[in-house]
Amino acid sequence: MSNTWKATERAIARHLGGVRTSHRNLGTGDADVVVGAFTVEVKHRKSLPMWLKEGVAQARRYARDDQLPLLVLHQAGQRHDNDLVVLRLLDFREWFGEVKEVPRE
């Protein structure tokens, strides 16, 4: 079995300035990466659906410099509260900058 997914988790942790946690407590329900107030679940796939990549590209084309391009995925018949928001990692990093630790109250 390939360990490519582990390398992907490490790379995402590095890009976000976070910590890869899944190797510590395998099977305990921890997130793959933790950074500040974010828990990150990383999914590594051989390829992503073209419609998904095209949707992100379309959002980027229509976004002005002062706007964050988001793709919202909605399943017919489902509540909009359950819709998914997708954006490129680079766009996330440029918009939010360095993610800081947020103290919990």
PDB file of N, CA and C in Angstrom:
ATOM      1  N   MET A   1       0.842  -1.191   0.000  1.00  0.00           N
ATOM      2  CA  MET A   1       0.000   0.000   0.000  1.00  0.00           C
ATOM      3  C   MET A   1       0.881   1.246   0.000  1.00  0.00           C
ATOM      4  N   SER A   2       0.523   2.208  -0.797  1.00  0.00           N
ATOM      5  CA  SER A   2       1.284   3.438  -0.931  1.00  0.00           C
ATOM      6  C   SER A   2       1.112   4.329   0.302  1.00  0.00           C
ATOM      7  N   ASN A   3       2.166   5.051   0.620  1.00  0.00           N
ATOM      8  CA  ASN A   3       2.109   6.020   1.718  1.00  0.00           C
ATOM      9  C   ASN A   3       1.968   7.444   1.193  1.00  0.00           C
ATOM     10  N   THR A   4       1.543   7.586  -0.055  1.00  0.00           N
ATOM     11  CA  THR A   4       1.412   8.902  -0.663  1.00  0.00           C
ATOM     12  C   THR A   4       0.469   9.794   0.133  1.00  0.00           C
ATOM     13  N   TRP A   5      -0.595   9.231   0.683  1.00  0.00           N
ATOM     14  CA  TRP A   5      -1.552  10.031   1.461  1.00  0.00           C
ATOM     15  C   TRP A   5      -0.887  10.627   2.696  1.00  0.00           C
ATOM     16  N   LYS A   6       0.067   9.900   3.289  1.00  0.00           N
ATOM     17  CA  LYS A   6       0.786  10.441   4.447  1.00  0.00           C
ATOM     18  C   LYS A   6       1.634  11.637   4.031  1.00  0.00           C
ATOM     19  N   ALA A   7       2.311  11.505   2.892  1.00  0.00           N
ATOM     20  CA  ALA A   7       3.125  12.611   2.382  1.00  0.00           C
ATOM     21  C   ALA A   7       2.244  13.816   2.064  1.00  0.00           C
ATOM     22  N   THR A   8       1.050  13.561   1.542  1.00  0.00           N
ATOM     23  CA  THR A   8       0.119  14.650   1.247  1.00  0.00           C
ATOM     24  C   THR A   8      -0.313  15.346   2.532  1.00  0.00           C
ATOM     25  N   GLU A   9      -0.610  14.593   3.571  1.00  0.00           N
ATOM     26  CA  GLU A   9      -0.979  15.189   4.861  1.00  0.00           C
ATOM     27  C   GLU A   9       0.165  16.036   5.408  1.00  0.00           C
ATOM     28  N   ARG A  10       1.389  15.534   5.319  1.00  0.00           N
ATOM     29  CA  ARG A  10       2.550  16.303   5.790  1.00  0.00           C
ATOM     30  C   ARG A  10       2.710  17.593   4.992  1.00  0.00           C
ATOM     31  N   ALA A  11       2.526  17.513   3.683  1.00  0.00           N
ATOM     32  CA  ALA A  11       2.657  18.698   2.829  1.00  0.00           C
ATOM     33  C   ALA A  11       1.600  19.742   3.176  1.00  0.00           C
ATOM     34  N   ILE A  12       0.364  19.307   3.392  1.00  0.00           N
ATOM     35  CA  ILE A  12      -0.705  20.247   3.744  1.00  0.00           C
ATOM     36  C   ILE A  12      -0.412  20.891   5.095  1.00  0.00           C
ATOM     37  N   ALA A  13       0.045  20.113   6.047  1.00  0.00           N
ATOM     38  CA  ALA A  13       0.412  20.663   7.360  1.00  0.00           C
ATOM     39  C   ALA A  13       1.499  21.722   7.199  1.00  0.00           C
ATOM     40  N   ARG A  14       2.487  21.444   6.366  1.00  0.00           N
ATOM     41  CA  ARG A  14       3.575  22.395   6.123  1.00  0.00           C
ATOM     42  C   ARG A  14       3.041  23.670   5.476  1.00  0.00           C
ATOM     43  N   HIS A  15       2.199  23.527   4.455  1.00  0.00           N
ATOM     44  CA  HIS A  15       1.651  24.687   3.740  1.00  0.00           C
ATOM     45  C   HIS A  15       0.821  25.582   4.651  1.00  0.00           C
ATOM     46  N   LEU A  16       0.155  24.982   5.625  1.00  0.00           N
ATOM     47  CA  LEU A  16      -0.713  25.760   6.514  1.00  0.00           C
ATOM     48  C   LEU A  16      -0.034  26.148   7.821  1.00  0.00           C
ATOM     49  N   GLY A  17       1.165  25.621   8.056  1.00  0.00           N
ATOM     50  CA  GLY A  17       1.843  25.902   9.320  1.00  0.00           C
ATOM     51  C   GLY A  17       1.242  25.121  10.468  1.00  0.00           C
ATOM     52  N   GLY A  18       0.684  23.967  10.166  1.00  0.00           N
ATOM     53  CA  GLY A  18       0.032  23.150  11.187  1.00  0.00           C
ATOM     54  C   GLY A  18       0.818  21.905  11.518  1.00  0.00           C
ATOM     55  N   VAL A  19       0.145  20.975  12.176  1.00  0.00           N
ATOM     56  CA  VAL A  19       0.756  19.728  12.624  1.00  0.00           C
ATOM     57  C   VAL A  19      -0.067  18.566  12.097  1.00  0.00           C
ATOM     58  N   ARG A  20       0.611  17.585  11.525  1.00  0.00           N
ATOM     59  CA  ARG A  20      -0.067  16.355  11.110  1.00  0.00           C
ATOM     60  C   ARG A  20      -0.282  15.518  12.358  1.00  0.00           C
ATOM     61  N   THR A  21      -1.516  15.145  12.623  1.00  0.00           N
ATOM     62  CA  THR A  21      -1.823  14.454  13.876  1.00  0.00           C
ATOM     63  C   THR A  21      -2.226  13.005  13.694  1.00  0.00           C
ATOM     64  N   SER A  22      -2.660  12.617  12.502  1.00  0.00           N
ATOM     65  CA  SER A  22      -3.254  11.290  12.341  1.00  0.00           C
ATOM     66  C   SER A  22      -2.267  10.158  12.610  1.00  0.00           C
ATOM     67  N   HIS A  23      -0.977  10.411  12.472  1.00  0.00           N
ATOM     68  CA  HIS A  23      -0.005   9.342  12.711  1.00  0.00           C
ATOM     69  C   HIS A  23       0.152   9.037  14.197  1.00  0.00           C
ATOM     70  N   ARG A  24      -0.269   9.945  15.045  1.00  0.00           N
ATOM     71  CA  ARG A  24      -0.105   9.755  16.492  1.00  0.00           C
ATOM     72  C   ARG A  24      -1.184   8.864  17.088  1.00  0.00           C
ATOM     73  N   ASN A  25      -2.400   9.085  16.673  1.00  0.00           N
ATOM     74  CA  ASN A  25      -3.541   8.398  17.291  1.00  0.00           C
ATOM     75  C   ASN A  25      -4.407   7.746  16.229  1.00  0.00           C
ATOM     76  N   LEU A  26      -3.814   6.901  15.434  1.00  0.00           N
ATOM     77  CA  LEU A  26      -4.522   6.278  14.327  1.00  0.00           C
ATOM     78  C   LEU A  26      -5.811   5.613  14.816  1.00  0.00           C
ATOM     79  N   GLY A  27      -6.891   5.986  14.175  1.00  0.00           N
ATOM     80  CA  GLY A  27      -8.172   5.372  14.490  1.00  0.00           C
ATOM     81  C   GLY A  27      -8.907   5.980  15.668  1.00  0.00           C
ATOM     82  N   THR A  28      -8.404   7.096  16.212  1.00  0.00           N
ATOM     83  CA  THR A  28      -9.062   7.693  17.373  1.00  0.00           C
ATOM     84  C   THR A  28     -10.024   8.811  16.995  1.00  0.00           C
ATOM     85  N   GLY A  29     -10.133   9.106  15.715  1.00  0.00           N
ATOM     86  CA  GLY A  29     -11.056  10.148  15.300  1.00  0.00           C
ATOM     87  C   GLY A  29     -10.449  11.530  15.253  1.00  0.00           C
ATOM     88  N   ASP A  30      -9.132  11.641  15.360  1.00  0.00           N
ATOM     89  CA  ASP A  30      -8.483  12.947  15.258  1.00  0.00           C
ATOM     90  C   ASP A  30      -8.454  13.413  13.807  1.00  0.00           C
ATOM     91  N   ALA A  31      -8.378  14.731  13.621  1.00  0.00           N
ATOM     92  CA  ALA A  31      -8.229  15.301  12.284  1.00  0.00           C
ATOM     93  C   ALA A  31      -6.853  14.939  11.737  1.00  0.00           C
ATOM     94  N   ASP A  32      -6.706  15.010  10.421  1.00  0.00           N
ATOM     95  CA  ASP A  32      -5.408  14.731   9.803  1.00  0.00           C
ATOM     96  C   ASP A  32      -4.393  15.813  10.147  1.00  0.00           C
ATOM     97  N   VAL A  33      -4.846  17.069  10.134  1.00  0.00           N
ATOM     98  CA  VAL A  33      -3.974  18.216  10.386  1.00  0.00           C
ATOM     99  C   VAL A  33      -4.709  19.182  11.303  1.00  0.00           C
ATOM    100  N   VAL A  34      -3.980  19.768  12.238  1.00  0.00           N
ATOM    101  CA  VAL A  34      -4.535  20.810  13.102  1.00  0.00           C
ATOM    102  C   VAL A  34      -3.665  22.043  12.949  1.00  0.00           C
ATOM    103  N   VAL A  35      -4.321  23.183  12.729  1.00  0.00           N
ATOM    104  CA  VAL A  35      -3.610  24.457  12.628  1.00  0.00           C
ATOM    105  C   VAL A  35      -4.520  25.542  13.188  1.00  0.00           C
ATOM    106  N   GLY A  36      -4.095  26.144  14.293  1.00  0.00           N
ATOM    107  CA  GLY A  36      -4.901  27.178  14.915  1.00  0.00           C
ATOM    108  C   GLY A  36      -6.288  26.671  15.236  1.00  0.00           C
ATOM    109  N   ALA A  37      -7.283  27.422  14.800  1.00  0.00           N
ATOM    110  CA  ALA A  37      -8.676  27.063  15.069  1.00  0.00           C
ATOM    111  C   ALA A  37      -9.236  26.091  14.031  1.00  0.00           C
ATOM    112  N   PHE A  38      -8.402  25.630  13.104  1.00  0.00           N
ATOM    113  CA  PHE A  38      -8.863  24.757  12.025  1.00  0.00           C
ATOM    114  C   PHE A  38      -8.472  23.307  12.267  1.00  0.00           C
ATOM    115  N   THR A  39      -9.400  22.402  12.004  1.00  0.00           N
ATOM    116  CA  THR A  39      -9.073  20.984  11.882  1.00  0.00           C
ATOM    117  C   THR A  39      -9.248  20.649  10.411  1.00  0.00           C
ATOM    118  N   VAL A  40      -8.281  19.951   9.854  1.00  0.00           N
ATOM    119  CA  VAL A  40      -8.244  19.720   8.412  1.00  0.00           C
ATOM    120  C   VAL A  40      -8.290  18.227   8.126  1.00  0.00           C
ATOM    121  N   GLU A  41      -9.224  17.831   7.325  1.00  0.00           N
ATOM    122  CA  GLU A  41      -9.302  16.457   6.835  1.00  0.00           C
ATOM    123  C   GLU A  41      -8.758  16.471   5.411  1.00  0.00           C
ATOM    124  N   VAL A  42      -7.739  15.676   5.143  1.00  0.00           N
ATOM    125  CA  VAL A  42      -7.077  15.659   3.837  1.00  0.00           C
ATOM    126  C   VAL A  42      -7.506  14.406   3.081  1.00  0.00           C
ATOM    127  N   LYS A  43      -7.957  14.587   1.864  1.00  0.00           N
ATOM    128  CA  LYS A  43      -8.334  13.463   1.003  1.00  0.00           C
ATOM    129  C   LYS A  43      -7.437  13.481  -0.225  1.00  0.00           C
ATOM    130  N   HIS A  44      -6.670  12.425  -0.411  1.00  0.00           N
ATOM    131  CA  HIS A  44      -5.757  12.300  -1.553  1.00  0.00           C
ATOM    132  C   HIS A  44      -6.393  11.365  -2.575  1.00  0.00           C
ATOM    133  N   ARG A  45      -6.514  11.826  -3.808  1.00  0.00           N
ATOM    134  CA  ARG A  45      -7.098  11.022  -4.878  1.00  0.00           C
ATOM    135  C   ARG A  45      -6.206  11.093  -6.105  1.00  0.00           C
ATOM    136  N   LYS A  46      -6.262  10.052  -6.913  1.00  0.00           N
ATOM    137  CA  LYS A  46      -5.487  10.024  -8.155  1.00  0.00           C
ATOM    138  C   LYS A  46      -5.905  11.175  -9.062  1.00  0.00           C
ATOM    139  N   SER A  47      -7.193  11.463  -9.113  1.00  0.00           N
ATOM    140  CA  SER A  47      -7.682  12.597  -9.902  1.00  0.00           C
ATOM    141  C   SER A  47      -8.960  13.123  -9.258  1.00  0.00           C
ATOM    142  N   LEU A  48      -9.250  14.380  -9.552  1.00  0.00           N
ATOM    143  CA  LEU A  48     -10.476  15.009  -9.069  1.00  0.00           C
ATOM    144  C   LEU A  48     -11.426  15.167 -10.251  1.00  0.00           C
ATOM    145  N   PRO A  49     -12.736  15.171  -9.988  1.00  0.00           N
ATOM    146  CA  PRO A  49     -13.697  15.305 -11.086  1.00  0.00           C
ATOM    147  C   PRO A  49     -13.493  16.620 -11.853  1.00  0.00           C
ATOM    148  N   MET A  50     -13.568  16.540 -13.162  1.00  0.00           N
ATOM    149  CA  MET A  50     -13.369  17.726 -14.000  1.00  0.00           C
ATOM    150  C   MET A  50     -14.387  18.809 -13.669  1.00  0.00           C
ATOM    151  N   TRP A  51     -15.648  18.439 -13.400  1.00  0.00           N
ATOM    152  CA  TRP A  51     -16.664  19.444 -13.090  1.00  0.00           C
ATOM    153  C   TRP A  51     -16.301  20.221 -11.832  1.00  0.00           C
ATOM    154  N   LEU A  52     -15.624  19.561 -10.886  1.00  0.00           N
ATOM    155  CA  LEU A  52     -15.207  20.227  -9.655  1.00  0.00           C
ATOM    156  C   LEU A  52     -14.101  21.238  -9.954  1.00  0.00           C
ATOM    157  N   LYS A  53     -13.101  20.811 -10.712  1.00  0.00           N
ATOM    158  CA  LYS A  53     -12.004  21.714 -11.073  1.00  0.00           C
ATOM    159  C   LYS A  53     -12.506  22.877 -11.925  1.00  0.00           C
ATOM    160  N   GLU A  54     -13.445  22.599 -12.824  1.00  0.00           N
ATOM    161  CA  GLU A  54     -14.006  23.665 -13.662  1.00  0.00           C
ATOM    162  C   GLU A  54     -14.821  24.651 -12.840  1.00  0.00           C
ATOM    163  N   GLY A  55     -15.532  24.165 -11.831  1.00  0.00           N
ATOM    164  CA  GLY A  55     -16.298  25.051 -10.955  1.00  0.00           C
ATOM    165  C   GLY A  55     -15.401  25.993 -10.169  1.00  0.00           C
ATOM    166  N   VAL A  56     -14.289  25.476  -9.661  1.00  0.00           N
ATOM    167  CA  VAL A  56     -13.327  26.317  -8.938  1.00  0.00           C
ATOM    168  C   VAL A  56     -12.723  27.344  -9.895  1.00  0.00           C
ATOM    169  N   ALA A  57     -12.365  26.910 -11.102  1.00  0.00           N
ATOM    170  CA  ALA A  57     -11.795  27.828 -12.095  1.00  0.00           C
ATOM    171  C   ALA A  57     -12.793  28.929 -12.450  1.00  0.00           C
ATOM    172  N   GLN A  58     -14.059  28.579 -12.572  1.00  0.00           N
ATOM    173  CA  GLN A  58     -15.092  29.566 -12.887  1.00  0.00           C
ATOM    174  C   GLN A  58     -15.217  30.585 -11.760  1.00  0.00           C
ATOM    175  N   ALA A  59     -15.220  30.129 -10.519  1.00  0.00           N
ATOM    176  CA  ALA A  59     -15.290  31.050  -9.376  1.00  0.00           C
ATOM    177  C   ALA A  59     -14.095  31.996  -9.379  1.00  0.00           C
ATOM    178  N   ARG A  60     -12.916  31.476  -9.721  1.00  0.00           N
ATOM    179  CA  ARG A  60     -11.711  32.311  -9.765  1.00  0.00           C
ATOM    180  C   ARG A  60     -11.798  33.350 -10.882  1.00  0.00           C
ATOM    181  N   ARG A  61     -12.341  32.963 -12.033  1.00  0.00           N
ATOM    182  CA  ARG A  61     -12.470  33.901 -13.158  1.00  0.00           C
ATOM    183  C   ARG A  61     -13.367  35.082 -12.797  1.00  0.00           C
ATOM    184  N   TYR A  62     -14.432  34.818 -12.056  1.00  0.00           N
ATOM    185  CA  TYR A  62     -15.409  35.859 -11.751  1.00  0.00           C
ATOM    186  C   TYR A  62     -15.046  36.695 -10.524  1.00  0.00           C
ATOM    187  N   ALA A  63     -14.076  36.255  -9.741  1.00  0.00           N
ATOM    188  CA  ALA A  63     -13.714  36.974  -8.514  1.00  0.00           C
ATOM    189  C   ALA A  63     -12.815  38.169  -8.839  1.00  0.00           C
ATOM    190  N   ARG A  64     -13.122  39.293  -8.220  1.00  0.00           N
ATOM    191  CA  ARG A  64     -12.235  40.458  -8.307  1.00  0.00           C
ATOM    192  C   ARG A  64     -11.070  40.244  -7.345  1.00  0.00           C
ATOM    193  N   ASP A  65     -10.085  41.121  -7.399  1.00  0.00           N
ATOM    194  CA  ASP A  65      -8.910  40.996  -6.528  1.00  0.00           C
ATOM    195  C   ASP A  65      -9.271  41.060  -5.048  1.00  0.00           C
ATOM    196  N   ASP A  66     -10.370  41.744  -4.724  1.00  0.00           N
ATOM    197  CA  ASP A  66     -10.759  41.890  -3.321  1.00  0.00           C
ATOM    198  C   ASP A  66     -11.818  40.865  -2.909  1.00  0.00           C
ATOM    199  N   GLN A  67     -11.971  39.806  -3.690  1.00  0.00           N
ATOM    200  CA  GLN A  67     -12.965  38.774  -3.398  1.00  0.00           C
ATOM    201  C   GLN A  67     -12.307  37.397  -3.313  1.00  0.00           C
ATOM    202  N   LEU A  68     -12.823  36.574  -2.415  1.00  0.00           N
ATOM    203  CA  LEU A  68     -12.351  35.201  -2.250  1.00  0.00           C
ATOM    204  C   LEU A  68     -13.241  34.277  -3.084  1.00  0.00           C
ATOM    205  N   PRO A  69     -12.678  33.601  -4.094  1.00  0.00           N
ATOM    206  CA  PRO A  69     -13.490  32.734  -4.947  1.00  0.00           C
ATOM    207  C   PRO A  69     -13.857  31.424  -4.253  1.00  0.00           C
ATOM    208  N   LEU A  70     -15.142  31.178  -4.122  1.00  0.00           N
ATOM    209  CA  LEU A  70     -15.648  29.962  -3.486  1.00  0.00           C
ATOM    210  C   LEU A  70     -16.535  29.198  -4.458  1.00  0.00           C
ATOM    211  N   LEU A  71     -16.464  27.892  -4.390  1.00  0.00           N
ATOM    212  CA  LEU A  71     -17.399  27.020  -5.092  1.00  0.00           C
ATOM    213  C   LEU A  71     -18.273  26.382  -4.024  1.00  0.00           C
ATOM    214  N   VAL A  72     -19.583  26.512  -4.149  1.00  0.00           N
ATOM    215  CA  VAL A  72     -20.510  25.902  -3.202  1.00  0.00           C
ATOM    216  C   VAL A  72     -21.176  24.709  -3.886  1.00  0.00           C
ATOM    217  N   LEU A  73     -21.099  23.549  -3.241  1.00  0.00           N
ATOM    218  CA  LEU A  73     -21.694  22.321  -3.769  1.00  0.00           C
ATOM    219  C   LEU A  73     -22.981  22.029  -3.004  1.00  0.00           C
ATOM    220  N   HIS A  74     -24.056  21.901  -3.744  1.00  0.00           N
ATOM    221  CA  HIS A  74     -25.366  21.648  -3.140  1.00  0.00           C
ATOM    222  C   HIS A  74     -25.957  20.369  -3.716  1.00  0.00           C
ATOM    223  N   GLN A  75     -26.442  19.504  -2.843  1.00  0.00           N
ATOM    224  CA  GLN A  75     -27.118  18.279  -3.272  1.00  0.00           C
ATOM    225  C   GLN A  75     -28.616  18.540  -3.306  1.00  0.00           C
ATOM    226  N   ALA A  76     -29.237  18.221  -4.424  1.00  0.00           N
ATOM    227  CA  ALA A  76     -30.675  18.440  -4.592  1.00  0.00           C
ATOM    228  C   ALA A  76     -31.454  17.801  -3.449  1.00  0.00           C
ATOM    229  N   GLY A  77     -32.407  18.566  -2.924  1.00  0.00           N
ATOM    230  CA  GLY A  77     -33.273  18.050  -1.874  1.00  0.00           C
ATOM    231  C   GLY A  77     -32.690  18.142  -0.474  1.00  0.00           C
ATOM    232  N   GLN A  78     -31.479  18.647  -0.356  1.00  0.00           N
ATOM    233  CA  GLN A  78     -30.831  18.742   0.956  1.00  0.00           C
ATOM    234  C   GLN A  78     -30.862  20.185   1.453  1.00  0.00           C
ATOM    235  N   ARG A  79     -30.708  20.340   2.752  1.00  0.00           N
ATOM    236  CA  ARG A  79     -30.668  21.672   3.362  1.00  0.00           C
ATOM    237  C   ARG A  79     -29.387  22.393   2.945  1.00  0.00           C
ATOM    238  N   HIS A  80     -29.496  23.684   2.735  1.00  0.00           N
ATOM    239  CA  HIS A  80     -28.315  24.456   2.337  1.00  0.00           C
ATOM    240  C   HIS A  80     -27.288  24.546   3.460  1.00  0.00           C
ATOM    241  N   ASP A  81     -27.707  24.336   4.695  1.00  0.00           N
ATOM    242  CA  ASP A  81     -26.747  24.318   5.804  1.00  0.00           C
ATOM    243  C   ASP A  81     -25.715  23.208   5.626  1.00  0.00           C
ATOM    244  N   ASN A  82     -26.039  22.204   4.833  1.00  0.00           N
ATOM    245  CA  ASN A  82     -25.128  21.081   4.609  1.00  0.00           C
ATOM    246  C   ASN A  82     -24.319  21.215   3.323  1.00  0.00           C
ATOM    247  N   ASP A  83     -24.458  22.320   2.605  1.00  0.00           N
ATOM    248  CA  ASP A  83     -23.678  22.536   1.388  1.00  0.00           C
ATOM    249  C   ASP A  83     -22.191  22.576   1.728  1.00  0.00           C
ATOM    250  N   LEU A  84     -21.375  22.263   0.757  1.00  0.00           N
ATOM    251  CA  LEU A  84     -19.926  22.257   0.939  1.00  0.00           C
ATOM    252  C   LEU A  84     -19.317  23.470   0.253  1.00  0.00           C
ATOM    253  N   VAL A  85     -18.290  24.035   0.864  1.00  0.00           N
ATOM    254  CA  VAL A  85     -17.578  25.176   0.305  1.00  0.00           C
ATOM    255  C   VAL A  85     -16.176  24.711  -0.081  1.00  0.00           C
ATOM    256  N   VAL A  86     -15.792  24.975  -1.330  1.00  0.00           N
ATOM    257  CA  VAL A  86     -14.503  24.534  -1.853  1.00  0.00           C
ATOM    258  C   VAL A  86     -13.721  25.751  -2.336  1.00  0.00           C
ATOM    259  N   LEU A  87     -12.450  25.798  -2.008  1.00  0.00           N
ATOM    260  CA  LEU A  87     -11.565  26.820  -2.544  1.00  0.00           C
ATOM    261  C   LEU A  87     -10.158  26.250  -2.654  1.00  0.00           C
ATOM    262  N   ARG A  88      -9.333  26.883  -3.484  1.00  0.00           N
ATOM    263  CA  ARG A  88      -7.957  26.425  -3.651  1.00  0.00           C
ATOM    264  C   ARG A  88      -7.157  26.739  -2.391  1.00  0.00           C
ATOM    265  N   LEU A  89      -6.196  25.890  -2.082  1.00  0.00           N
ATOM    266  CA  LEU A  89      -5.342  26.102  -0.917  1.00  0.00           C
ATOM    267  C   LEU A  89      -4.589  27.420  -1.037  1.00  0.00           C
ATOM    268  N   LEU A  90      -4.089  27.743  -2.221  1.00  0.00           N
ATOM    269  CA  LEU A  90      -3.373  29.002  -2.416  1.00  0.00           C
ATOM    270  C   LEU A  90      -4.281  30.190  -2.126  1.00  0.00           C
ATOM    271  N   ASP A  91      -5.531  30.139  -2.584  1.00  0.00           N
ATOM    272  CA  ASP A  91      -6.471  31.229  -2.314  1.00  0.00           C
ATOM    273  C   ASP A  91      -6.736  31.356  -0.815  1.00  0.00           C
ATOM    274  N   PHE A  92      -6.862  30.230  -0.137  1.00  0.00           N
ATOM    275  CA  PHE A  92      -7.054  30.231   1.313  1.00  0.00           C
ATOM    276  C   PHE A  92      -5.873  30.910   2.002  1.00  0.00           C
ATOM    277  N   ARG A  93      -4.666  30.499   1.632  1.00  0.00           N
ATOM    278  CA  ARG A  93      -3.460  31.049   2.263  1.00  0.00           C
ATOM    279  C   ARG A  93      -3.305  32.539   1.987  1.00  0.00           C
ATOM    280  N   GLU A  94      -3.567  32.955   0.750  1.00  0.00           N
ATOM    281  CA  GLU A  94      -3.440  34.377   0.417  1.00  0.00           C
ATOM    282  C   GLU A  94      -4.488  35.212   1.140  1.00  0.00           C
ATOM    283  N   TRP A  95      -5.676  34.679   1.327  1.00  0.00           N
ATOM    284  CA  TRP A  95      -6.758  35.431   1.958  1.00  0.00           C
ATOM    285  C   TRP A  95      -6.568  35.526   3.472  1.00  0.00           C
ATOM    286  N   PHE A  96      -6.255  34.387   4.109  1.00  0.00           N
ATOM    287  CA  PHE A  96      -6.178  34.336   5.564  1.00  0.00           C
ATOM    288  C   PHE A  96      -4.777  34.580   6.101  1.00  0.00           C
ATOM    289  N   GLY A  97      -3.764  34.471   5.244  1.00  0.00           N
ATOM    290  CA  GLY A  97      -2.389  34.663   5.696  1.00  0.00           C
ATOM    291  C   GLY A  97      -1.976  33.560   6.650  1.00  0.00           C
ATOM    292  N   GLU A  98      -1.058  33.885   7.524  1.00  0.00           N
ATOM    293  CA  GLU A  98      -0.594  32.903   8.509  1.00  0.00           C
ATOM    294  C   GLU A  98      -1.710  32.632   9.509  1.00  0.00           C
ATOM    295  N   VAL A  99      -2.025  31.373   9.684  1.00  0.00           N
ATOM    296  CA  VAL A  99      -3.084  30.996  10.617  1.00  0.00           C
ATOM    297  C   VAL A  99      -2.521  31.041  12.027  1.00  0.00           C
ATOM    298  N   LYS A 100      -3.166  31.782  12.882  1.00  0.00           N
ATOM    299  CA  LYS A 100      -2.710  31.942  14.266  1.00  0.00           C
ATOM    300  C   LYS A 100      -3.510  31.030  15.190  1.00  0.00           C
ATOM    301  N   GLU A 101      -2.878  30.647  16.269  1.00  0.00           N
ATOM    302  CA  GLU A 101      -3.572  29.862  17.296  1.00  0.00           C
ATOM    303  C   GLU A 101      -4.637  30.747  17.935  1.00  0.00           C
ATOM    304  N   VAL A 102      -5.835  30.246  18.024  1.00  0.00           N
ATOM    305  CA  VAL A 102      -6.938  30.992  18.623  1.00  0.00           C
ATOM    306  C   VAL A 102      -7.269  30.352  19.960  1.00  0.00           C
ATOM    307  N   PRO A 103      -7.141  31.115  21.057  1.00  0.00           N
ATOM    308  CA  PRO A 103      -7.452  30.522  22.364  1.00  0.00           C
ATOM    309  C   PRO A 103      -8.927  30.176  22.474  1.00  0.00           C
ATOM    310  N   ARG A 104      -9.199  29.038  23.068  1.00  0.00           N
ATOM    311  CA  ARG A 104     -10.589  28.622  23.294  1.00  0.00           C
ATOM    312  C   ARG A 104     -11.069  29.203  24.608  1.00  0.00           C
ATOM    313  N   GLU A 105     -12.323  29.595  24.626  1.00  0.00           N
ATOM    314  CA  GLU A 105     -12.887  30.171  25.858  1.00  0.00           C
ATOM    315  C   GLU A 105     -13.554  29.111  26.681  1.00  0.00           C
TER     316      GLU A 105
END
